[in-house]
Amino acid sequence: MGQPIKLIIKKGAIRKDGTSLIFLQYCHTADQRILLSTDVPIPPNCWNKKTGRIAENLPSKYGNANELQLSITAKLRKAEDMVEYAVKKRNTCPMQFLKENFLLQTNWKLEQMSDSAKSLDIYWNIDDYVESKKSTVKHCTINVINAMKAHLKSFEAFRKEAITFDSFDMNFYEEFVKYLTYDIVQLRRKEVIKGLKVNSVGKTIKHLKSFLKDRMRKKIIPFMDLGAYKVMEEEVDAVYLTWQELSLIYHLDLSENTNLEKYRDLFVLGCLTGFRFSDYSDIKPEEVRGGMLYVNQTKTLSTVVVPLRVDAKKILIEKYNMQMPQVSNPNFNYYIKEVVKLAGIDEMIKITHKHGNKIIEETRPKYAWIMSHTCRRSFCTNEFLDGTPTNLIMAISGHKTEKAFRRYIKADQVQKAHMIKKLWDDRPGL
């Protein structure tokens, strides 16, 4: 944007607690400048004057360095937007406009910018793209698009260079993928973890491409060749629970842990229907008719019809009267591990995944790998091993091709192992 705005700490301005505030300094002319507080205090020795960034070794009692950096960078961008807006209006003094509006920036709308300024702002365009998708996709997809936007903002702060529509060349793709793989800090973690897994990186690239193609179709930006923007993915090792293990969970005595019952019941219901968490956790009374469950799947927006097993009826109708408890996915993933642990399902399982060009191996008890998606995988795998025709399972699971279905459940390896075991069991031992 080229506006003379930068982040600074005033020399010698140290508060009683030993910290200094980070300010935005706007130089309108050589003699006219103003300082605007970001309300972020840090020790002066944790500020890199040369780069204008908070040092990564910031003591934790002052906050997370990466999160604080994202915060002040967002305020810097907002100030730049305001100055640009004032400059384009010509009869508005940028200094005065910034002074009057910066502290009220939460109320300052990007819509106040000219249409040409909006069209150049990538984040405004992503928000506009999200609004256009809300009527055609479910909330879970909107969350993924917003995560892509957050990753772009994080990358922008990391490389200290504004991202515009002109940024998206091959070098950007390679640098962005490298950043997502090795440098991005995963938030909401107790320990600092850098880098995303291959499929998470691939999902970000997938939605970035979809966004850019949408902007091209609407003639907002000129055509750009995105052929080199590869959506990488890897086959994921993941556990499933056998019918015997599910029976242990279903009959588990939780009289001393009644708070876990709803998580157990939701989990078993998911394993008996094969639905995604967003579907089996929000079943409505009108979706059960004649012993069948009619559900409009959130991801595909297609309606599937599933017969209700006896055990599913006991949970859904007899116990909860078609009003399943409402729980969040993060809480579900946390507490279901406790349930499976109480059921004694604790054999050690090794899972491998890629991190860049390295193979990472993690070994944990089986219960530690259980999550909401385990329900769907368990349903598909168990039905396949029991001989249910693949096309019937796919009608419920929503897989479009048998290749994708088999890769999803790892059924080939499991089926062959069972076949070999059966042959071996029929043979005499040593």
Protein backbone atom coordinates (compact mmCIF):
# COMPACT_ATOMS: atom_id res chain seq x y z
CA MET A 1 0.00 0.00 0.00
CA GLY A 2 3.00 2.24 0.43
CA GLN A 3 1.58 4.41 3.24
CA PRO A 4 4.13 5.75 5.81
CA ILE A 5 2.75 3.77 8.75
CA LYS A 6 4.87 1.58 10.98
CA LEU A 7 4.88 -0.10 14.36
CA ILE A 8 7.22 1.36 17.00
CA ILE A 9 8.01 1.45 20.70
CA LYS A 10 8.74 4.95 22.03
CA LYS A 11 12.29 5.22 23.29
CA GLY A 12 12.44 5.57 27.06
CA ALA A 13 8.65 5.23 27.48
CA ILE A 14 8.75 2.43 30.06
CA ARG A 15 5.81 1.90 32.40
CA LYS A 16 5.97 0.96 36.09
CA ASP A 17 5.62 -2.76 35.30
CA GLY A 18 8.65 -2.63 33.00
CA THR A 19 6.68 -2.78 29.74
CA SER A 20 6.25 -0.35 26.87
CA LEU A 21 3.24 0.06 24.62
CA ILE A 22 3.50 -0.70 20.93
CA PHE A 23 2.32 2.25 18.85
CA LEU A 24 1.32 2.84 15.25
CA GLN A 25 3.19 5.84 13.88
CA TYR A 26 1.72 7.61 10.87
CA CYS A 27 3.92 10.22 9.18
CA HIS A 28 1.72 12.47 7.05
CA THR A 29 4.64 14.77 6.24
CA ALA A 30 8.16 15.16 7.56
CA ASP A 31 6.80 17.46 10.25
CA GLN A 32 3.32 16.01 10.80
CA ARG A 33 2.91 12.66 12.52
CA ILE A 34 0.67 10.98 15.06
CA LEU A 35 1.00 8.01 17.39
CA LEU A 36 -1.87 5.57 17.97
CA SER A 37 -1.70 2.97 20.72
CA THR A 38 -2.27 -0.68 19.86
CA ASP A 39 -2.89 -1.38 23.58
CA VAL A 40 -0.28 -4.16 23.44
CA PRO A 41 2.43 -3.83 26.13
CA ILE A 42 5.66 -5.85 26.07
CA PRO A 43 9.14 -5.52 27.60
CA PRO A 44 11.21 -3.19 25.36
CA ASN A 45 13.93 -5.82 24.93
CA CYS A 46 11.35 -8.13 23.32
CA TRP A 47 10.81 -5.72 20.42
CA ASN A 48 12.83 -6.02 17.21
CA LYS A 49 13.11 -2.42 16.01
CA LYS A 50 14.62 -3.45 12.68
CA THR A 51 11.82 -5.81 11.67
CA GLY A 52 9.04 -4.15 13.62
CA ARG A 53 8.06 -7.46 15.21
CA ILE A 54 7.65 -8.98 18.65
CA ALA A 55 10.47 -11.38 19.55
CA GLU A 56 9.52 -15.06 19.68
CA ASN A 57 11.15 -15.40 23.11
CA LEU A 58 8.51 -13.13 24.68
CA PRO A 59 7.84 -14.46 28.23
CA SER A 60 4.47 -16.23 28.32
CA LYS A 61 3.11 -13.98 31.08
CA TYR A 62 2.91 -11.16 28.52
CA GLY A 63 0.96 -13.31 26.06
CA ASN A 64 1.65 -15.46 23.00
CA ALA A 65 4.11 -13.68 20.68
CA ASN A 66 2.50 -14.98 17.47
CA GLU A 67 -1.04 -14.09 18.55
CA LEU A 68 0.01 -10.59 19.67
CA GLN A 69 1.87 -10.08 16.39
CA LEU A 70 -1.23 -11.05 14.43
CA SER A 71 -3.24 -8.58 16.52
CA ILE A 72 -0.97 -5.59 15.95
CA THR A 73 -0.53 -6.48 12.26
CA ALA A 74 -4.31 -6.49 11.87
CA LYS A 75 -4.44 -3.01 13.43
CA LEU A 76 -1.66 -1.85 11.12
CA ARG A 77 -3.64 -3.09 8.10
CA LYS A 78 -6.78 -1.37 9.37
CA ALA A 79 -4.90 1.90 9.76
CA GLU A 80 -3.51 1.54 6.23
CA ASP A 81 -7.05 1.00 4.92
CA MET A 82 -8.23 4.13 6.69
CA VAL A 83 -5.41 6.27 5.32
CA GLU A 84 -5.98 4.94 1.81
CA TYR A 85 -9.68 5.73 2.10
CA ALA A 86 -8.98 9.28 3.32
CA VAL A 87 -6.40 9.91 0.56
CA LYS A 88 -8.85 8.81 -2.14
CA LYS A 89 -11.55 11.11 -0.79
CA ARG A 90 -9.06 13.98 -1.30
CA ASN A 91 -11.02 16.47 0.78
CA THR A 92 -10.40 14.40 3.94
CA CYS A 93 -7.25 14.86 6.02
CA PRO A 94 -5.70 11.40 6.54
CA MET A 95 -4.23 12.38 9.91
CA GLN A 96 -7.52 13.72 11.23
CA PHE A 97 -9.53 10.82 9.81
CA LEU A 98 -7.15 8.28 11.35
CA LYS A 99 -7.13 10.06 14.71
CA GLU A 100 -10.93 10.21 14.84
CA ASN A 101 -11.63 6.66 13.62
CA PHE A 102 -8.80 4.40 14.71
CA LEU A 103 -9.99 3.94 18.30
CA LEU A 104 -13.44 3.20 16.88
CA GLN A 105 -12.03 0.82 14.30
CA THR A 106 -14.41 -1.98 15.25
CA ASN A 107 -17.20 0.25 13.94
CA TRP A 108 -15.28 1.42 10.90
CA LYS A 109 -16.61 -0.57 7.93
CA LEU A 110 -14.62 -1.55 4.89
CA GLU A 111 -17.76 -0.64 2.92
CA GLN A 112 -16.71 2.99 3.42
CA MET A 113 -13.90 2.37 0.96
CA SER A 114 -14.41 3.00 -2.72
CA ASP A 115 -15.46 0.08 -4.93
CA SER A 116 -12.05 0.05 -6.57
CA ALA A 117 -10.35 -0.20 -3.16
CA LYS A 118 -12.64 -3.07 -2.18
CA SER A 119 -11.89 -4.98 -5.35
CA LEU A 120 -8.19 -4.89 -4.51
CA ASP A 121 -8.58 -6.06 -0.92
CA ILE A 122 -8.28 -9.83 -0.79
CA TYR A 123 -9.80 -10.24 2.66
CA TRP A 124 -12.88 -8.21 1.79
CA ASN A 125 -13.25 -10.45 -1.26
CA ILE A 126 -12.98 -13.61 0.85
CA ASP A 127 -15.73 -12.28 3.13
CA ASP A 128 -17.82 -11.51 0.06
CA TYR A 129 -17.15 -15.03 -1.25
CA VAL A 130 -18.24 -16.51 2.10
CA GLU A 131 -21.50 -14.53 1.99
CA SER A 132 -22.22 -15.83 -1.50
CA LYS A 133 -21.63 -19.43 -0.37
CA LYS A 134 -23.77 -19.38 2.79
CA SER A 135 -26.94 -20.29 0.91
CA THR A 136 -25.36 -23.26 -0.87
CA VAL A 137 -22.95 -24.83 1.64
CA LYS A 138 -23.20 -25.77 5.29
CA HIS A 139 -21.58 -24.03 8.23
CA CYS A 140 -18.74 -26.57 8.45
CA THR A 141 -17.56 -25.57 4.94
CA ILE A 142 -17.77 -21.88 5.84
CA ASN A 143 -15.51 -22.61 8.80
CA VAL A 144 -12.91 -24.19 6.51
CA ILE A 145 -12.96 -21.16 4.17
CA ASN A 146 -12.52 -18.83 7.14
CA ALA A 147 -9.60 -20.99 8.31
CA MET A 148 -8.02 -20.53 4.87
CA LYS A 149 -8.41 -16.76 5.28
CA ALA A 150 -6.78 -16.91 8.73
CA HIS A 151 -3.86 -18.89 7.27
CA LEU A 152 -3.35 -16.23 4.61
CA LYS A 153 -3.31 -13.47 7.23
CA SER A 154 -0.87 -15.45 9.34
CA PHE A 155 1.40 -15.97 6.31
CA GLU A 156 1.21 -12.27 5.48
CA ALA A 157 2.43 -11.40 8.98
CA PHE A 158 5.12 -14.09 8.79
CA ARG A 159 6.71 -12.84 5.59
CA LYS A 160 6.00 -9.16 6.35
CA GLU A 161 4.55 -8.47 2.93
CA ALA A 162 0.97 -7.62 2.04
CA ILE A 163 -0.92 -10.26 0.04
CA THR A 164 -2.78 -8.94 -3.00
CA PHE A 165 -4.30 -10.62 -6.03
CA ASP A 166 -1.00 -10.02 -7.80
CA SER A 167 0.75 -12.21 -5.23
CA PHE A 168 -0.55 -15.54 -6.53
CA ASP A 169 2.28 -16.82 -8.69
CA MET A 170 4.22 -20.09 -8.44
CA ASN A 171 6.67 -18.64 -5.91
CA PHE A 172 3.76 -17.71 -3.64
CA TYR A 173 2.36 -21.24 -3.83
CA GLU A 174 5.69 -22.83 -2.92
CA GLU A 175 6.36 -20.40 -0.06
CA PHE A 176 2.79 -20.71 1.27
CA VAL A 177 2.90 -24.51 1.25
CA LYS A 178 6.29 -24.45 2.96
CA TYR A 179 4.96 -22.06 5.61
CA LEU A 180 1.86 -24.20 6.25
CA THR A 181 3.99 -27.33 6.47
CA TYR A 182 6.75 -26.11 8.75
CA ASP A 183 6.17 -22.66 10.26
CA ILE A 184 2.53 -21.95 11.05
CA VAL A 185 1.79 -22.22 14.75
CA GLN A 186 -1.21 -24.33 15.66
CA LEU A 187 -3.34 -22.29 18.05
CA ARG A 188 -5.33 -23.64 21.01
CA ARG A 189 -2.56 -26.10 21.83
CA LYS A 190 -0.97 -26.49 25.26
CA GLU A 191 2.46 -26.90 23.69
CA VAL A 192 3.84 -25.04 20.67
CA ILE A 193 3.28 -27.14 17.55
CA LYS A 194 4.42 -25.84 14.18
CA GLY A 195 3.17 -27.06 10.81
CA LEU A 196 0.00 -28.70 9.55
CA LYS A 197 -0.51 -32.23 8.27
CA VAL A 198 -0.53 -32.89 4.52
CA ASN A 199 -4.31 -33.11 4.21
CA SER A 200 -4.82 -29.88 6.17
CA VAL A 201 -2.40 -28.09 3.83
CA GLY A 202 -4.20 -29.62 0.85
CA LYS A 203 -7.58 -28.46 2.13
CA THR A 204 -6.29 -24.89 2.48
CA ILE A 205 -4.95 -24.89 -1.10
CA LYS A 206 -8.20 -26.43 -2.38
CA HIS A 207 -10.34 -23.64 -0.93
CA LEU A 208 -7.87 -20.94 -1.97
CA LYS A 209 -8.13 -22.18 -5.58
CA SER A 210 -11.93 -22.30 -5.38
CA PHE A 211 -12.00 -18.72 -4.09
CA LEU A 212 -9.69 -17.42 -6.83
CA LYS A 213 -11.66 -19.26 -9.55
CA ASP A 214 -14.87 -17.70 -8.22
CA ARG A 215 -13.35 -14.23 -8.43
CA MET A 216 -12.24 -14.97 -12.02
CA ARG A 217 -15.69 -16.19 -13.03
CA LYS A 218 -17.23 -13.00 -11.68
CA LYS A 219 -14.71 -10.88 -13.64
CA ILE A 220 -13.41 -9.36 -10.41
CA ILE A 221 -9.84 -10.38 -11.24
CA PRO A 222 -8.27 -11.33 -14.58
CA PHE A 223 -7.60 -14.95 -15.48
CA MET A 224 -4.62 -16.57 -13.78
CA ASP A 225 -3.25 -20.06 -14.38
CA LEU A 226 -3.66 -22.09 -11.18
CA GLY A 227 -2.62 -25.39 -12.75
CA ALA A 228 0.54 -25.51 -10.64
CA TYR A 229 -1.43 -25.10 -7.39
CA LYS A 230 -1.54 -28.79 -6.54
CA VAL A 231 -3.94 -30.02 -3.85
CA MET A 232 -1.79 -32.53 -2.01
CA GLU A 233 -3.27 -35.36 0.03
CA GLU A 234 -2.16 -38.54 1.73
CA GLU A 235 -3.93 -41.71 2.74
CA VAL A 236 -4.53 -41.46 6.45
CA ASP A 237 -4.07 -44.33 8.86
CA ALA A 238 -7.03 -44.24 11.21
CA VAL A 239 -8.59 -46.66 13.63
CA TYR A 240 -12.04 -48.18 13.55
CA LEU A 241 -13.92 -50.10 16.24
CA THR A 242 -15.17 -53.65 15.71
CA TRP A 243 -18.71 -54.72 16.60
CA GLN A 244 -17.27 -56.41 19.72
CA GLU A 245 -15.61 -53.17 20.83
CA LEU A 246 -18.78 -51.18 20.12
CA SER A 247 -20.73 -53.66 22.22
CA LEU A 248 -18.38 -53.04 25.15
CA ILE A 249 -18.99 -49.31 24.82
CA TYR A 250 -22.77 -49.71 24.40
CA HIS A 251 -23.11 -51.85 27.55
CA LEU A 252 -20.59 -49.86 29.59
CA ASP A 253 -21.83 -49.04 33.10
CA LEU A 254 -21.59 -45.28 33.45
CA SER A 255 -23.63 -44.97 36.64
CA GLU A 256 -20.65 -43.30 38.32
CA ASN A 257 -19.93 -41.12 35.27
CA THR A 258 -23.39 -40.07 34.17
CA ASN A 259 -22.00 -36.95 32.51
CA LEU A 260 -20.40 -39.23 29.90
CA GLU A 261 -23.63 -41.00 28.91
CA LYS A 262 -24.68 -38.53 26.25
CA TYR A 263 -21.29 -38.75 24.55
CA ARG A 264 -21.39 -42.55 24.61
CA ASP A 265 -24.93 -42.63 23.21
CA LEU A 266 -24.15 -40.17 20.43
CA PHE A 267 -21.05 -42.16 19.52
CA VAL A 268 -22.91 -45.48 19.31
CA LEU A 269 -25.69 -43.84 17.27
CA GLY A 270 -23.07 -42.55 14.84
CA CYS A 271 -21.52 -46.01 14.50
CA LEU A 272 -24.96 -47.52 13.78
CA THR A 273 -25.93 -44.96 11.11
CA GLY A 274 -22.65 -44.06 9.39
CA PHE A 275 -23.46 -40.34 9.41
CA ARG A 276 -21.08 -37.45 9.91
CA PHE A 277 -21.05 -35.82 13.34
CA SER A 278 -23.01 -32.81 12.07
CA ASP A 279 -25.77 -35.20 10.94
CA TYR A 280 -26.08 -37.72 13.79
CA SER A 281 -25.74 -35.05 16.50
CA ASP A 282 -28.68 -33.01 15.18
CA ILE A 283 -31.38 -35.51 14.21
CA LYS A 284 -34.85 -33.96 14.20
CA PRO A 285 -38.15 -35.72 15.08
CA GLU A 286 -39.57 -35.23 11.58
CA GLU A 287 -36.62 -37.13 10.09
CA VAL A 288 -37.88 -40.49 11.42
CA ARG A 289 -40.72 -42.03 9.47
CA GLY A 290 -41.84 -45.64 9.37
CA GLY A 291 -38.75 -46.96 11.10
CA MET A 292 -36.50 -45.16 8.61
CA LEU A 293 -34.22 -42.19 9.16
CA TYR A 294 -34.41 -39.50 6.45
CA VAL A 295 -31.47 -37.15 6.80
CA ASN A 296 -30.33 -34.28 4.58
CA GLN A 297 -26.54 -34.61 4.85
CA THR A 298 -24.81 -31.34 5.70
CA LYS A 299 -21.78 -31.82 3.46
CA THR A 300 -23.38 -33.14 0.27
CA LEU A 301 -26.87 -31.64 0.80
CA SER A 302 -28.27 -34.97 -0.41
CA THR A 303 -30.98 -36.89 1.43
CA VAL A 304 -30.23 -40.44 2.55
CA VAL A 305 -32.60 -43.01 3.97
CA VAL A 306 -31.27 -45.42 6.60
CA PRO A 307 -33.17 -48.20 8.38
CA LEU A 308 -32.98 -47.79 12.15
CA ARG A 309 -31.42 -50.77 13.93
CA VAL A 310 -33.05 -51.95 17.16
CA ASP A 311 -30.20 -50.53 19.27
CA ALA A 312 -30.39 -47.19 17.42
CA LYS A 313 -34.13 -46.99 18.15
CA LYS A 314 -33.47 -47.66 21.84
CA ILE A 315 -31.09 -44.70 21.97
CA LEU A 316 -32.84 -42.27 19.66
CA ILE A 317 -36.50 -42.93 20.47
CA GLU A 318 -36.84 -44.80 23.75
CA LYS A 319 -34.09 -43.00 25.71
CA TYR A 320 -34.05 -39.51 24.20
CA ASN A 321 -37.49 -39.25 22.57
CA MET A 322 -35.94 -37.88 19.37
CA GLN A 323 -34.20 -35.05 21.25
CA MET A 324 -30.51 -35.97 21.13
CA PRO A 325 -28.27 -33.93 23.47
CA GLN A 326 -26.55 -30.98 21.81
CA VAL A 327 -22.77 -31.08 22.26
CA SER A 328 -19.91 -29.38 20.44
CA ASN A 329 -17.52 -31.38 18.29
CA PRO A 330 -14.44 -30.42 20.39
CA ASN A 331 -16.17 -31.49 23.61
CA PHE A 332 -17.33 -34.69 21.98
CA ASN A 333 -13.82 -35.54 20.80
CA TYR A 334 -12.47 -34.91 24.31
CA TYR A 335 -15.00 -36.89 26.32
CA ILE A 336 -15.46 -39.84 23.96
CA LYS A 337 -11.84 -40.77 24.59
CA GLU A 338 -12.67 -41.04 28.28
CA VAL A 339 -15.61 -43.32 27.48
CA VAL A 340 -13.56 -45.65 25.27
CA LYS A 341 -10.80 -45.71 27.88
CA LEU A 342 -13.29 -46.80 30.54
CA ALA A 343 -14.38 -49.60 28.18
CA GLY A 344 -10.84 -50.96 28.37
CA ILE A 345 -10.00 -50.42 24.69
CA ASP A 346 -6.37 -49.48 25.24
CA GLU A 347 -4.17 -51.55 22.92
CA MET A 348 -1.22 -49.55 21.59
CA ILE A 349 -1.72 -48.32 18.01
CA LYS A 350 0.96 -46.75 15.78
CA ILE A 351 -0.19 -44.15 13.26
CA THR A 352 2.10 -42.64 10.61
CA HIS A 353 1.73 -39.42 8.64
CA LYS A 354 3.91 -37.13 6.58
CA HIS A 355 5.37 -33.83 7.70
CA GLY A 356 7.06 -32.36 4.66
CA ASN A 357 9.42 -35.05 3.44
CA LYS A 358 9.56 -36.80 6.82
CA ILE A 359 7.49 -39.72 8.07
CA ILE A 360 6.20 -39.11 11.59
CA GLU A 361 5.21 -42.08 13.75
CA GLU A 362 3.01 -41.72 16.82
CA THR A 363 2.09 -44.56 19.16
CA ARG A 364 -0.83 -44.11 21.54
CA PRO A 365 -3.48 -46.27 23.24
CA LYS A 366 -6.37 -46.94 20.88
CA TYR A 367 -8.79 -44.80 22.89
CA ALA A 368 -6.54 -41.76 22.32
CA TRP A 369 -7.15 -42.00 18.56
CA ILE A 370 -10.95 -42.05 18.84
CA MET A 371 -12.90 -39.02 17.58
CA SER A 372 -16.27 -38.19 16.03
CA HIS A 373 -15.18 -39.36 12.57
CA THR A 374 -14.36 -42.82 13.99
CA CYS A 375 -18.12 -43.51 13.97
CA ARG A 376 -18.39 -43.17 10.20
CA ARG A 377 -15.22 -45.14 9.52
CA SER A 378 -16.33 -47.93 11.88
CA PHE A 379 -19.75 -48.17 10.23
CA CYS A 380 -18.33 -48.38 6.70
CA THR A 381 -15.58 -50.86 7.59
CA ASN A 382 -17.82 -53.16 9.65
CA GLU A 383 -20.53 -53.22 6.99
CA PHE A 384 -17.97 -53.99 4.30
CA LEU A 385 -16.43 -56.85 6.31
CA ASP A 386 -19.91 -58.23 7.03
CA GLY A 387 -20.57 -58.49 3.30
CA THR A 388 -22.90 -55.54 2.73
CA PRO A 389 -22.64 -54.57 -0.98
CA THR A 390 -20.35 -51.60 -1.47
CA ASN A 391 -22.92 -49.61 -3.47
CA LEU A 392 -25.39 -49.81 -0.56
CA ILE A 393 -22.81 -48.59 1.96
CA MET A 394 -21.81 -45.76 -0.39
CA ALA A 395 -25.45 -44.67 -0.66
CA ILE A 396 -25.24 -43.82 3.04
CA SER A 397 -21.60 -42.73 3.31
CA GLY A 398 -21.80 -40.38 0.31
CA HIS A 399 -18.62 -41.62 -1.39
CA LYS A 400 -18.81 -40.99 -5.13
CA THR A 401 -16.38 -43.68 -6.31
CA GLU A 402 -15.51 -47.14 -5.04
CA LYS A 403 -11.83 -46.21 -5.20
CA ALA A 404 -12.38 -43.37 -2.75
CA PHE A 405 -14.50 -45.61 -0.55
CA ARG A 406 -11.87 -48.36 -0.32
CA ARG A 407 -9.12 -45.85 0.38
CA TYR A 408 -11.25 -44.30 3.09
CA ILE A 409 -11.80 -47.50 5.08
CA LYS A 410 -8.56 -49.33 4.28
CA ALA A 411 -10.89 -52.27 3.65
CA ASP A 412 -8.63 -54.11 1.25
CA GLN A 413 -5.90 -54.60 3.85
CA VAL A 414 -8.40 -55.46 6.59
CA GLN A 415 -10.34 -57.88 4.39
CA LYS A 416 -7.23 -59.69 3.22
CA ALA A 417 -5.94 -59.95 6.77
CA HIS A 418 -9.26 -61.49 7.87
CA MET A 419 -9.22 -63.92 4.94
CA ILE A 420 -5.68 -65.05 5.77
CA LYS A 421 -6.60 -65.39 9.44
CA LYS A 422 -9.58 -67.59 8.56
CA LEU A 423 -7.38 -69.84 6.41
CA TRP A 424 -4.79 -70.09 9.17
CA ASP A 425 -7.43 -70.83 11.83
CA ASP A 426 -8.64 -73.80 9.79
CA ARG A 427 -5.16 -75.33 9.61
CA PRO A 428 -3.52 -77.47 12.26
CA GLY A 429 -0.89 -75.80 14.44
CA LEU A 430 2.65 -76.94 15.08
